[in-house]
Amino acid sequence: MDNAIPFTIRTKLTNALGDVEDLATAKGLQQVFAVELFSLRKTVEEALDTGDRDVADKALRDARVLWGLLRGTPGRYHQVSAMA
């Protein structure tokens, strides 16, 4: 049984991971969301390694959720210090 993920889904996975990581970097939130980024990376890697479509679907859902969280979180560089 061939359970390989189609090329289009593989591309979506790698692009989604890159987009989420780029957004976290751009907003200076890599450390704040380190656990979530690590978990997403591992889920994407598992999907690509095993070819499991269910894991791939989960990774894409997780990427969308994390993207939304990052978009809604003010960046570190834009926060005003409480000490100011």
PDB file of N, CA and C in Angstrom:
ATOM      1  N   MET A   1       0.849  -1.181   0.000  1.00  0.00           N
ATOM      2  CA  MET A   1       0.000   0.000   0.000  1.00  0.00           C
ATOM      3  C   MET A   1       0.886   1.233   0.000  1.00  0.00           C
ATOM      4  N   ASP A   2       0.635   2.125  -0.922  1.00  0.00           N
ATOM      5  CA  ASP A   2       1.404   3.361  -1.031  1.00  0.00           C
ATOM      6  C   ASP A   2       0.696   4.444  -0.235  1.00  0.00           C
ATOM      7  N   ASN A   3       1.333   4.875   0.852  1.00  0.00           N
ATOM      8  CA  ASN A   3       0.710   5.900   1.685  1.00  0.00           C
ATOM      9  C   ASN A   3       1.464   7.223   1.605  1.00  0.00           C
ATOM     10  N   ALA A   4       2.172   7.434   0.505  1.00  0.00           N
ATOM     11  CA  ALA A   4       2.929   8.664   0.350  1.00  0.00           C
ATOM     12  C   ALA A   4       1.990   9.850   0.204  1.00  0.00           C
ATOM     13  N   ILE A   5       2.386  10.933   0.789  1.00  0.00           N
ATOM     14  CA  ILE A   5       1.618  12.170   0.702  1.00  0.00           C
ATOM     15  C   ILE A   5       1.849  12.763  -0.688  1.00  0.00           C
ATOM     16  N   PRO A   6       0.786  13.227  -1.350  1.00  0.00           N
ATOM     17  CA  PRO A   6       0.963  13.852  -2.667  1.00  0.00           C
ATOM     18  C   PRO A   6       1.913  15.052  -2.595  1.00  0.00           C
ATOM     19  N   PHE A   7       2.570  15.314  -3.707  1.00  0.00           N
ATOM     20  CA  PHE A   7       3.528  16.411  -3.786  1.00  0.00           C
ATOM     21  C   PHE A   7       2.921  17.735  -3.344  1.00  0.00           C
ATOM     22  N   THR A   8       1.687  17.991  -3.727  1.00  0.00           N
ATOM     23  CA  THR A   8       1.050  19.266  -3.373  1.00  0.00           C
ATOM     24  C   THR A   8       0.901  19.422  -1.867  1.00  0.00           C
ATOM     25  N   ILE A   9       0.572  18.332  -1.178  1.00  0.00           N
ATOM     26  CA  ILE A   9       0.434  18.379   0.281  1.00  0.00           C
ATOM     27  C   ILE A   9       1.806  18.538   0.927  1.00  0.00           C
ATOM     28  N   ARG A  10       2.819  17.843   0.388  1.00  0.00           N
ATOM     29  CA  ARG A  10       4.185  17.998   0.903  1.00  0.00           C
ATOM     30  C   ARG A  10       4.635  19.449   0.781  1.00  0.00           C
ATOM     31  N   THR A  11       4.313  20.076  -0.333  1.00  0.00           N
ATOM     32  CA  THR A  11       4.683  21.475  -0.547  1.00  0.00           C
ATOM     33  C   THR A  11       3.945  22.381   0.428  1.00  0.00           C
ATOM     34  N   LYS A  12       2.652  22.126   0.633  1.00  0.00           N
ATOM     35  CA  LYS A  12       1.883  22.915   1.592  1.00  0.00           C
ATOM     36  C   LYS A  12       2.467  22.800   2.994  1.00  0.00           C
ATOM     37  N   LEU A  13       2.885  21.585   3.355  1.00  0.00           N
ATOM     38  CA  LEU A  13       3.470  21.375   4.685  1.00  0.00           C
ATOM     39  C   LEU A  13       4.744  22.183   4.873  1.00  0.00           C
ATOM     40  N   THR A  14       5.648  22.080   3.912  1.00  0.00           N
ATOM     41  CA  THR A  14       6.921  22.791   4.058  1.00  0.00           C
ATOM     42  C   THR A  14       6.717  24.306   3.986  1.00  0.00           C
ATOM     43  N   ASN A  15       5.814  24.768   3.135  1.00  0.00           N
ATOM     44  CA  ASN A  15       5.535  26.202   3.051  1.00  0.00           C
ATOM     45  C   ASN A  15       4.879  26.718   4.328  1.00  0.00           C
ATOM     46  N   ALA A  16       3.940  25.970   4.863  1.00  0.00           N
ATOM     47  CA  ALA A  16       3.256  26.391   6.085  1.00  0.00           C
ATOM     48  C   ALA A  16       4.248  26.483   7.241  1.00  0.00           C
ATOM     49  N   LEU A  17       5.108  25.503   7.365  1.00  0.00           N
ATOM     50  CA  LEU A  17       6.111  25.532   8.428  1.00  0.00           C
ATOM     51  C   LEU A  17       7.019  26.742   8.257  1.00  0.00           C
ATOM     52  N   GLY A  18       7.497  26.962   7.062  1.00  0.00           N
ATOM     53  CA  GLY A  18       8.369  28.106   6.802  1.00  0.00           C
ATOM     54  C   GLY A  18       7.674  29.431   7.069  1.00  0.00           C
ATOM     55  N   ASP A  19       6.422  29.545   6.670  1.00  0.00           N
ATOM     56  CA  ASP A  19       5.670  30.789   6.886  1.00  0.00           C
ATOM     57  C   ASP A  19       5.481  31.075   8.373  1.00  0.00           C
ATOM     58  N   VAL A  20       5.150  30.046   9.129  1.00  0.00           N
ATOM     59  CA  VAL A  20       4.943  30.225  10.571  1.00  0.00           C
ATOM     60  C   VAL A  20       6.267  30.605  11.240  1.00  0.00           C
ATOM     61  N   GLU A  21       7.335  29.917  10.886  1.00  0.00           N
ATOM     62  CA  GLU A  21       8.643  30.236  11.473  1.00  0.00           C
ATOM     63  C   GLU A  21       9.088  31.642  11.085  1.00  0.00           C
ATOM     64  N   ASP A  22       8.843  32.041   9.852  1.00  0.00           N
ATOM     65  CA  ASP A  22       9.206  33.388   9.401  1.00  0.00           C
ATOM     66  C   ASP A  22       8.418  34.455  10.160  1.00  0.00           C
ATOM     67  N   LEU A  23       7.138  34.218  10.367  1.00  0.00           N
ATOM     68  CA  LEU A  23       6.317  35.174  11.104  1.00  0.00           C
ATOM     69  C   LEU A  23       6.795  35.298  12.548  1.00  0.00           C
ATOM     70  N   ALA A  24       7.085  34.167  13.180  1.00  0.00           N
ATOM     71  CA  ALA A  24       7.589  34.203  14.559  1.00  0.00           C
ATOM     72  C   ALA A  24       8.898  34.981  14.634  1.00  0.00           C
ATOM     73  N   THR A  25       9.762  34.782  13.671  1.00  0.00           N
ATOM     74  CA  THR A  25      11.037  35.496  13.633  1.00  0.00           C
ATOM     75  C   THR A  25      10.823  36.986  13.407  1.00  0.00           C
ATOM     76  N   ALA A  26       9.979  37.318  12.452  1.00  0.00           N
ATOM     77  CA  ALA A  26       9.724  38.723  12.121  1.00  0.00           C
ATOM     78  C   ALA A  26       9.156  39.490  13.314  1.00  0.00           C
ATOM     79  N   LYS A  27       8.358  38.811  14.126  1.00  0.00           N
ATOM     80  CA  LYS A  27       7.746  39.468  15.275  1.00  0.00           C
ATOM     81  C   LYS A  27       8.582  39.308  16.543  1.00  0.00           C
ATOM     82  N   GLY A  28       9.699  38.587  16.451  1.00  0.00           N
ATOM     83  CA  GLY A  28      10.547  38.377  17.620  1.00  0.00           C
ATOM     84  C   GLY A  28       9.920  37.473  18.662  1.00  0.00           C
ATOM     85  N   LEU A  29       9.108  36.523  18.217  1.00  0.00           N
ATOM     86  CA  LEU A  29       8.358  35.664  19.141  1.00  0.00           C
ATOM     87  C   LEU A  29       8.833  34.208  19.139  1.00  0.00           C
ATOM     88  N   GLN A  30      10.044  33.960  18.624  1.00  0.00           N
ATOM     89  CA  GLN A  30      10.524  32.578  18.544  1.00  0.00           C
ATOM     90  C   GLN A  30      10.619  31.939  19.933  1.00  0.00           C
ATOM     91  N   GLN A  31      11.094  32.684  20.920  1.00  0.00           N
ATOM     92  CA  GLN A  31      11.237  32.112  22.255  1.00  0.00           C
ATOM     93  C   GLN A  31       9.893  31.969  22.952  1.00  0.00           C
ATOM     94  N   VAL A  32       9.007  32.920  22.720  1.00  0.00           N
ATOM     95  CA  VAL A  32       7.682  32.867  23.346  1.00  0.00           C
ATOM     96  C   VAL A  32       6.912  31.639  22.866  1.00  0.00           C
ATOM     97  N   PHE A  33       7.048  31.325  21.586  1.00  0.00           N
ATOM     98  CA  PHE A  33       6.322  30.206  20.989  1.00  0.00           C
ATOM     99  C   PHE A  33       7.242  29.031  20.669  1.00  0.00           C
ATOM    100  N   ALA A  34       8.334  28.899  21.395  1.00  0.00           N
ATOM    101  CA  ALA A  34       9.331  27.859  21.109  1.00  0.00           C
ATOM    102  C   ALA A  34       8.733  26.455  21.151  1.00  0.00           C
ATOM    103  N   VAL A  35       7.921  26.179  22.124  1.00  0.00           N
ATOM    104  CA  VAL A  35       7.333  24.835  22.261  1.00  0.00           C
ATOM    105  C   VAL A  35       6.387  24.549  21.096  1.00  0.00           C
ATOM    106  N   GLU A  36       5.566  25.516  20.756  1.00  0.00           N
ATOM    107  CA  GLU A  36       4.613  25.339  19.662  1.00  0.00           C
ATOM    108  C   GLU A  36       5.329  25.178  18.322  1.00  0.00           C
ATOM    109  N   LEU A  37       6.377  25.970  18.111  1.00  0.00           N
ATOM    110  CA  LEU A  37       7.159  25.858  16.875  1.00  0.00           C
ATOM    111  C   LEU A  37       7.857  24.507  16.787  1.00  0.00           C
ATOM    112  N   PHE A  38       8.421  24.061  17.901  1.00  0.00           N
ATOM    113  CA  PHE A  38       9.087  22.759  17.938  1.00  0.00           C
ATOM    114  C   PHE A  38       8.084  21.641  17.641  1.00  0.00           C
ATOM    115  N   SER A  39       6.915  21.718  18.264  1.00  0.00           N
ATOM    116  CA  SER A  39       5.891  20.696  18.062  1.00  0.00           C
ATOM    117  C   SER A  39       5.431  20.668  16.602  1.00  0.00           C
ATOM    118  N   LEU A  40       5.228  21.830  16.023  1.00  0.00           N
ATOM    119  CA  LEU A  40       4.809  21.886  14.622  1.00  0.00           C
ATOM    120  C   LEU A  40       5.883  21.299  13.718  1.00  0.00           C
ATOM    121  N   ARG A  41       7.129  21.670  13.946  1.00  0.00           N
ATOM    122  CA  ARG A  41       8.228  21.139  13.133  1.00  0.00           C
ATOM    123  C   ARG A  41       8.267  19.606  13.219  1.00  0.00           C
ATOM    124  N   LYS A  42       8.120  19.056  14.415  1.00  0.00           N
ATOM    125  CA  LYS A  42       8.151  17.595  14.587  1.00  0.00           C
ATOM    126  C   LYS A  42       6.962  16.928  13.893  1.00  0.00           C
ATOM    127  N   THR A  43       5.799  17.539  13.953  1.00  0.00           N
ATOM    128  CA  THR A  43       4.623  16.965  13.303  1.00  0.00           C
ATOM    129  C   THR A  43       4.794  16.984  11.787  1.00  0.00           C
ATOM    130  N   VAL A  44       5.310  18.084  11.255  1.00  0.00           N
ATOM    131  CA  VAL A  44       5.564  18.166   9.812  1.00  0.00           C
ATOM    132  C   VAL A  44       6.596  17.120   9.403  1.00  0.00           C
ATOM    133  N   GLU A  45       7.672  17.010  10.158  1.00  0.00           N
ATOM    134  CA  GLU A  45       8.705  16.019   9.843  1.00  0.00           C
ATOM    135  C   GLU A  45       8.144  14.601   9.881  1.00  0.00           C
ATOM    136  N   GLU A  46       7.311  14.315  10.874  1.00  0.00           N
ATOM    137  CA  GLU A  46       6.698  12.986  10.967  1.00  0.00           C
ATOM    138  C   GLU A  46       5.821  12.704   9.752  1.00  0.00           C
ATOM    139  N   ALA A  47       5.032  13.686   9.366  1.00  0.00           N
ATOM    140  CA  ALA A  47       4.158  13.512   8.202  1.00  0.00           C
ATOM    141  C   ALA A  47       4.978  13.248   6.944  1.00  0.00           C
ATOM    142  N   LEU A  48       6.041  14.009   6.764  1.00  0.00           N
ATOM    143  CA  LEU A  48       6.869  13.843   5.572  1.00  0.00           C
ATOM    144  C   LEU A  48       7.633  12.520   5.599  1.00  0.00           C
ATOM    145  N   ASP A  49       8.084  12.112   6.777  1.00  0.00           N
ATOM    146  CA  ASP A  49       8.847  10.864   6.905  1.00  0.00           C
ATOM    147  C   ASP A  49       7.982   9.624   6.733  1.00  0.00           C
ATOM    148  N   THR A  50       6.778   9.657   7.309  1.00  0.00           N
ATOM    149  CA  THR A  50       5.924   8.464   7.287  1.00  0.00           C
ATOM    150  C   THR A  50       4.959   8.435   6.116  1.00  0.00           C
ATOM    151  N   GLY A  51       4.666   9.613   5.558  1.00  0.00           N
ATOM    152  CA  GLY A  51       3.679   9.666   4.487  1.00  0.00           C
ATOM    153  C   GLY A  51       2.256   9.514   4.981  1.00  0.00           C
ATOM    154  N   ASP A  52       2.049   9.705   6.262  1.00  0.00           N
ATOM    155  CA  ASP A  52       0.732   9.537   6.870  1.00  0.00           C
ATOM    156  C   ASP A  52      -0.133  10.777   6.595  1.00  0.00           C
ATOM    157  N   ARG A  53      -1.217  10.589   5.872  1.00  0.00           N
ATOM    158  CA  ARG A  53      -2.092  11.698   5.492  1.00  0.00           C
ATOM    159  C   ARG A  53      -2.777  12.318   6.701  1.00  0.00           C
ATOM    160  N   ASP A  54      -3.136  11.503   7.691  1.00  0.00           N
ATOM    161  CA  ASP A  54      -3.775  12.041   8.894  1.00  0.00           C
ATOM    162  C   ASP A  54      -2.820  12.964   9.655  1.00  0.00           C
ATOM    163  N   VAL A  55      -1.574  12.580   9.745  1.00  0.00           N
ATOM    164  CA  VAL A  55      -0.570  13.418  10.416  1.00  0.00           C
ATOM    165  C   VAL A  55      -0.345  14.697   9.608  1.00  0.00           C
ATOM    166  N   ALA A  56      -0.351  14.572   8.294  1.00  0.00           N
ATOM    167  CA  ALA A  56      -0.196  15.748   7.437  1.00  0.00           C
ATOM    168  C   ALA A  56      -1.359  16.719   7.643  1.00  0.00           C
ATOM    169  N   ASP A  57      -2.571  16.205   7.717  1.00  0.00           N
ATOM    170  CA  ASP A  57      -3.742  17.051   7.955  1.00  0.00           C
ATOM    171  C   ASP A  57      -3.644  17.747   9.313  1.00  0.00           C
ATOM    172  N   LYS A  58      -3.184  17.003  10.327  1.00  0.00           N
ATOM    173  CA  LYS A  58      -3.004  17.587  11.655  1.00  0.00           C
ATOM    174  C   LYS A  58      -1.965  18.693  11.615  1.00  0.00           C
ATOM    175  N   ALA A  59      -0.865  18.465  10.921  1.00  0.00           N
ATOM    176  CA  ALA A  59       0.193  19.471  10.823  1.00  0.00           C
ATOM    177  C   ALA A  59      -0.321  20.739  10.149  1.00  0.00           C
ATOM    178  N   LEU A  60      -1.117  20.590   9.110  1.00  0.00           N
ATOM    179  CA  LEU A  60      -1.669  21.766   8.432  1.00  0.00           C
ATOM    180  C   LEU A  60      -2.647  22.523   9.335  1.00  0.00           C
ATOM    181  N   ARG A  61      -3.457  21.786  10.085  1.00  0.00           N
ATOM    182  CA  ARG A  61      -4.369  22.438  11.041  1.00  0.00           C
ATOM    183  C   ARG A  61      -3.574  23.169  12.118  1.00  0.00           C
ATOM    184  N   ASP A  62      -2.560  22.500  12.653  1.00  0.00           N
ATOM    185  CA  ASP A  62      -1.721  23.104  13.694  1.00  0.00           C
ATOM    186  C   ASP A  62      -1.025  24.359  13.175  1.00  0.00           C
ATOM    187  N   ALA A  63      -0.575  24.329  11.935  1.00  0.00           N
ATOM    188  CA  ALA A  63       0.098  25.486  11.346  1.00  0.00           C
ATOM    189  C   ALA A  63      -0.875  26.659  11.231  1.00  0.00           C
ATOM    190  N   ARG A  64      -2.124  26.378  10.840  1.00  0.00           N
ATOM    191  CA  ARG A  64      -3.113  27.449  10.737  1.00  0.00           C
ATOM    192  C   ARG A  64      -3.410  28.063  12.103  1.00  0.00           C
ATOM    193  N   VAL A  65      -3.529  27.209  13.103  1.00  0.00           N
ATOM    194  CA  VAL A  65      -3.810  27.704  14.453  1.00  0.00           C
ATOM    195  C   VAL A  65      -2.637  28.551  14.964  1.00  0.00           C
ATOM    196  N   LEU A  66      -1.435  28.048  14.797  1.00  0.00           N
ATOM    197  CA  LEU A  66      -0.267  28.778  15.271  1.00  0.00           C
ATOM    198  C   LEU A  66      -0.096  30.086  14.510  1.00  0.00           C
ATOM    199  N   TRP A  67      -0.349  30.071  13.208  1.00  0.00           N
ATOM    200  CA  TRP A  67      -0.299  31.297  12.406  1.00  0.00           C
ATOM    201  C   TRP A  67      -1.252  32.344  12.997  1.00  0.00           C
ATOM    202  N   GLY A  68      -2.468  31.909  13.318  1.00  0.00           N
ATOM    203  CA  GLY A  68      -3.448  32.821  13.908  1.00  0.00           C
ATOM    204  C   GLY A  68      -3.002  33.373  15.251  1.00  0.00           C
ATOM    205  N   LEU A  69      -2.423  32.516  16.076  1.00  0.00           N
ATOM    206  CA  LEU A  69      -1.918  32.973  17.370  1.00  0.00           C
ATOM    207  C   LEU A  69      -0.805  34.000  17.195  1.00  0.00           C
ATOM    208  N   LEU A  70       0.105  33.714  16.288  1.00  0.00           N
ATOM    209  CA  LEU A  70       1.208  34.635  16.042  1.00  0.00           C
ATOM    210  C   LEU A  70       0.713  35.968  15.487  1.00  0.00           C
ATOM    211  N   ARG A  71      -0.242  35.918  14.574  1.00  0.00           N
ATOM    212  CA  ARG A  71      -0.775  37.152  13.979  1.00  0.00           C
ATOM    213  C   ARG A  71      -1.451  38.012  15.037  1.00  0.00           C
ATOM    214  N   GLY A  72      -2.099  37.378  16.004  1.00  0.00           N
ATOM    215  CA  GLY A  72      -2.818  38.109  17.038  1.00  0.00           C
ATOM    216  C   GLY A  72      -1.962  38.549  18.213  1.00  0.00           C
ATOM    217  N   THR A  73      -0.728  38.117  18.262  1.00  0.00           N
ATOM    218  CA  THR A  73       0.167  38.461  19.364  1.00  0.00           C
ATOM    219  C   THR A  73       1.058  39.628  18.964  1.00  0.00           C
ATOM    220  N   PRO A  74       1.066  40.681  19.777  1.00  0.00           N
ATOM    221  CA  PRO A  74       1.956  41.798  19.448  1.00  0.00           C
ATOM    222  C   PRO A  74       3.416  41.330  19.459  1.00  0.00           C
ATOM    223  N   GLY A  75       4.187  41.845  18.529  1.00  0.00           N
ATOM    224  CA  GLY A  75       5.594  41.479  18.453  1.00  0.00           C
ATOM    225  C   GLY A  75       6.377  42.036  19.625  1.00  0.00           C
ATOM    226  N   ARG A  76       7.456  41.361  19.938  1.00  0.00           N
ATOM    227  CA  ARG A  76       8.313  41.811  21.038  1.00  0.00           C
ATOM    228  C   ARG A  76       8.849  43.204  20.801  1.00  0.00           C
ATOM    229  N   TYR A  77       9.113  43.539  19.570  1.00  0.00           N
ATOM    230  CA  TYR A  77       9.735  44.815  19.244  1.00  0.00           C
ATOM    231  C   TYR A  77       8.747  45.961  19.298  1.00  0.00           C
ATOM    232  N   HIS A  78       7.456  45.645  19.421  1.00  0.00           N
ATOM    233  CA  HIS A  78       6.436  46.683  19.429  1.00  0.00           C
ATOM    234  C   HIS A  78       5.795  46.885  20.792  1.00  0.00           C
ATOM    235  N   GLN A  79       6.186  46.091  21.757  1.00  0.00           N
ATOM    236  CA  GLN A  79       5.601  46.211  23.087  1.00  0.00           C
ATOM    237  C   GLN A  79       6.273  47.351  23.844  1.00  0.00           C
ATOM    238  N   VAL A  80       5.470  48.065  24.606  1.00  0.00           N
ATOM    239  CA  VAL A  80       5.997  49.149  25.427  1.00  0.00           C
ATOM    240  C   VAL A  80       6.329  48.573  26.789  1.00  0.00           C
ATOM    241  N   SER A  81       7.504  48.886  27.279  1.00  0.00           N
ATOM    242  CA  SER A  81       7.936  48.398  28.570  1.00  0.00           C
ATOM    243  C   SER A  81       7.086  49.010  29.674  1.00  0.00           C
ATOM    244  N   ALA A  82       6.754  48.224  30.678  1.00  0.00           N
ATOM    245  CA  ALA A  82       5.997  48.712  31.813  1.00  0.00           C
ATOM    246  C   ALA A  82       6.873  49.645  32.661  1.00  0.00           C
ATOM    247  N   MET A  83       8.168  49.581  32.489  1.00  0.00           N
ATOM    248  CA  MET A  83       9.087  50.411  33.265  1.00  0.00           C
ATOM    249  C   MET A  83       9.185  51.828  32.684  1.00  0.00           C
ATOM    250  N   ALA A  84       8.734  52.034  31.466  1.00  0.00           N
ATOM    251  CA  ALA A  84       8.906  53.350  30.810  1.00  0.00           C
ATOM    252  C   ALA A  84       7.957  54.378  31.342  1.00  0.00           C
TER     253      ALA A  84
END
